[in-house]
Amino acid sequence: MTVSGAQMQEYLAGLDYPVSREDVLRRAQENGASTELLQLLMALPADQFDDPAELHRALATLA
């Protein structure tokens, strides 16, 4: 699955940090992310992210 950075920002828009993996999944689902993308997000390596940079680094490990 290929998701651009702009699409990912759209799916995750409005997150307040720190944020949990569950909140990331919920926000992506609310913003119309596909089931495939939600499954990818479930594989995030941490349970919580303190800032957008930390989440971005974790997302990069999934690509």
N, C-alpha and C. Protein backbone atom coordinates (compact mmCIF):
# COMPACT_ATOMS: atom_id res chain seq x y z
N MET A 1 0.84 -1.18 0.00
CA MET A 1 0.00 0.00 0.00
C MET A 1 0.88 1.24 0.00
N THR A 2 0.53 2.19 -0.83
CA THR A 2 1.28 3.43 -0.90
C THR A 2 0.39 4.58 -0.47
N VAL A 3 0.82 5.29 0.55
CA VAL A 3 0.10 6.46 1.04
C VAL A 3 1.10 7.60 1.07
N SER A 4 0.76 8.69 0.43
CA SER A 4 1.67 9.84 0.42
C SER A 4 1.68 10.52 1.79
N GLY A 5 2.71 11.31 2.00
CA GLY A 5 2.79 12.07 3.25
C GLY A 5 1.60 12.99 3.42
N ALA A 6 1.16 13.59 2.32
CA ALA A 6 0.02 14.50 2.39
C ALA A 6 -1.25 13.75 2.76
N GLN A 7 -1.43 12.53 2.20
CA GLN A 7 -2.60 11.73 2.55
C GLN A 7 -2.56 11.34 4.02
N MET A 8 -1.38 10.95 4.49
CA MET A 8 -1.25 10.55 5.89
C MET A 8 -1.57 11.73 6.80
N GLN A 9 -1.10 12.92 6.44
CA GLN A 9 -1.41 14.11 7.24
C GLN A 9 -2.91 14.35 7.27
N GLU A 10 -3.57 14.11 6.14
CA GLU A 10 -5.02 14.29 6.08
C GLU A 10 -5.73 13.28 6.99
N TYR A 11 -5.29 12.03 6.96
CA TYR A 11 -5.91 11.00 7.78
C TYR A 11 -5.68 11.25 9.28
N LEU A 12 -4.55 11.87 9.61
CA LEU A 12 -4.19 12.06 11.02
C LEU A 12 -4.37 13.50 11.49
N ALA A 13 -5.05 14.31 10.70
CA ALA A 13 -5.25 15.72 11.04
C ALA A 13 -6.00 15.86 12.36
N GLY A 14 -5.56 16.79 13.18
CA GLY A 14 -6.26 17.12 14.41
C GLY A 14 -5.84 16.34 15.63
N LEU A 15 -4.78 15.56 15.54
CA LEU A 15 -4.32 14.81 16.70
C LEU A 15 -3.73 15.75 17.75
N ASP A 16 -4.02 15.47 19.00
CA ASP A 16 -3.42 16.20 20.12
C ASP A 16 -2.40 15.28 20.77
N TYR A 17 -1.22 15.81 21.03
CA TYR A 17 -0.12 15.01 21.60
C TYR A 17 0.03 15.30 23.07
N PRO A 18 0.46 14.31 23.84
CA PRO A 18 0.80 12.94 23.42
C PRO A 18 -0.45 12.21 22.96
N VAL A 19 -0.25 11.23 22.08
CA VAL A 19 -1.36 10.49 21.49
C VAL A 19 -1.07 8.99 21.57
N SER A 20 -2.10 8.22 21.82
CA SER A 20 -1.94 6.77 21.88
C SER A 20 -2.12 6.16 20.50
N ARG A 21 -1.65 4.94 20.34
CA ARG A 21 -1.84 4.22 19.08
C ARG A 21 -3.34 4.11 18.78
N GLU A 22 -4.14 3.85 19.80
CA GLU A 22 -5.58 3.73 19.62
C GLU A 22 -6.20 5.02 19.10
N ASP A 23 -5.71 6.17 19.62
CA ASP A 23 -6.22 7.46 19.16
C ASP A 23 -5.79 7.72 17.71
N VAL A 24 -4.59 7.29 17.34
CA VAL A 24 -4.13 7.42 15.95
C VAL A 24 -5.06 6.62 15.04
N LEU A 25 -5.35 5.39 15.44
CA LEU A 25 -6.25 4.54 14.65
C LEU A 25 -7.64 5.15 14.55
N ARG A 26 -8.16 5.63 15.66
CA ARG A 26 -9.50 6.22 15.68
C ARG A 26 -9.57 7.43 14.75
N ARG A 27 -8.57 8.30 14.83
CA ARG A 27 -8.57 9.51 14.00
C ARG A 27 -8.47 9.15 12.52
N ALA A 28 -7.61 8.20 12.19
CA ALA A 28 -7.47 7.78 10.80
C ALA A 28 -8.80 7.22 10.29
N GLN A 29 -9.47 6.42 11.11
CA GLN A 29 -10.75 5.84 10.71
C GLN A 29 -11.80 6.94 10.51
N GLU A 30 -11.85 7.89 11.43
CA GLU A 30 -12.79 9.01 11.33
C GLU A 30 -12.56 9.83 10.07
N ASN A 31 -11.30 9.89 9.62
CA ASN A 31 -10.95 10.69 8.45
C ASN A 31 -10.94 9.88 7.16
N GLY A 32 -11.49 8.67 7.20
CA GLY A 32 -11.70 7.91 5.97
C GLY A 32 -10.58 7.00 5.52
N ALA A 33 -9.67 6.65 6.40
CA ALA A 33 -8.58 5.74 6.03
C ALA A 33 -9.13 4.37 5.67
N SER A 34 -8.46 3.72 4.74
CA SER A 34 -8.88 2.38 4.31
C SER A 34 -8.58 1.35 5.38
N THR A 35 -9.21 0.21 5.27
CA THR A 35 -8.96 -0.91 6.18
C THR A 35 -7.49 -1.31 6.12
N GLU A 36 -6.94 -1.30 4.92
CA GLU A 36 -5.52 -1.66 4.75
C GLU A 36 -4.61 -0.71 5.51
N LEU A 37 -4.90 0.59 5.43
CA LEU A 37 -4.09 1.56 6.16
C LEU A 37 -4.27 1.39 7.66
N LEU A 38 -5.48 1.14 8.10
CA LEU A 38 -5.72 0.93 9.54
C LEU A 38 -4.94 -0.28 10.05
N GLN A 39 -4.89 -1.33 9.25
CA GLN A 39 -4.11 -2.51 9.64
C GLN A 39 -2.63 -2.17 9.74
N LEU A 40 -2.15 -1.34 8.82
CA LEU A 40 -0.76 -0.90 8.87
C LEU A 40 -0.50 -0.10 10.15
N LEU A 41 -1.40 0.79 10.49
CA LEU A 41 -1.23 1.61 11.70
C LEU A 41 -1.26 0.78 12.97
N MET A 42 -1.98 -0.34 12.95
CA MET A 42 -2.01 -1.23 14.11
C MET A 42 -0.62 -1.80 14.41
N ALA A 43 0.26 -1.78 13.42
CA ALA A 43 1.61 -2.31 13.59
C ALA A 43 2.59 -1.27 14.11
N LEU A 44 2.11 -0.07 14.45
CA LEU A 44 3.01 0.94 15.00
C LEU A 44 3.77 0.36 16.19
N PRO A 45 5.07 0.66 16.27
CA PRO A 45 5.92 0.02 17.27
C PRO A 45 5.78 0.52 18.71
N ALA A 46 5.05 1.61 18.92
CA ALA A 46 4.92 2.15 20.28
C ALA A 46 3.44 2.31 20.62
N ASP A 47 3.15 2.35 21.91
CA ASP A 47 1.77 2.54 22.36
C ASP A 47 1.40 4.02 22.46
N GLN A 48 2.42 4.89 22.55
CA GLN A 48 2.17 6.32 22.71
C GLN A 48 3.25 7.11 21.99
N PHE A 49 2.84 8.27 21.47
CA PHE A 49 3.76 9.15 20.76
C PHE A 49 3.65 10.53 21.38
N ASP A 50 4.81 11.10 21.75
CA ASP A 50 4.82 12.37 22.48
C ASP A 50 4.70 13.59 21.59
N ASP A 51 5.05 13.46 20.30
CA ASP A 51 4.98 14.60 19.40
C ASP A 51 4.89 14.10 17.96
N PRO A 52 4.55 15.00 17.02
CA PRO A 52 4.41 14.59 15.62
C PRO A 52 5.68 13.95 15.04
N ALA A 53 6.85 14.44 15.45
CA ALA A 53 8.10 13.88 14.92
C ALA A 53 8.27 12.42 15.33
N GLU A 54 7.91 12.10 16.56
CA GLU A 54 8.01 10.71 17.03
C GLU A 54 7.07 9.81 16.24
N LEU A 55 5.85 10.28 16.00
CA LEU A 55 4.90 9.50 15.21
C LEU A 55 5.40 9.34 13.78
N HIS A 56 5.94 10.39 13.22
CA HIS A 56 6.46 10.34 11.84
C HIS A 56 7.58 9.31 11.73
N ARG A 57 8.47 9.30 12.69
CA ARG A 57 9.57 8.30 12.68
C ARG A 57 9.01 6.89 12.76
N ALA A 58 8.01 6.69 13.59
CA ALA A 58 7.41 5.36 13.72
C ALA A 58 6.72 4.95 12.42
N LEU A 59 6.03 5.88 11.79
CA LEU A 59 5.37 5.60 10.51
C LEU A 59 6.39 5.23 9.43
N ALA A 60 7.55 5.88 9.47
CA ALA A 60 8.60 5.60 8.48
C ALA A 60 9.11 4.17 8.59
N THR A 61 9.05 3.58 9.78
CA THR A 61 9.52 2.22 9.96
C THR A 61 8.55 1.20 9.35
N LEU A 62 7.33 1.63 9.10
CA LEU A 62 6.32 0.72 8.55
C LEU A 62 6.35 0.66 7.03
N ALA A 63 6.96 1.64 6.42
CA ALA A 63 6.95 1.73 4.94
C ALA A 63 7.85 0.69 4.31
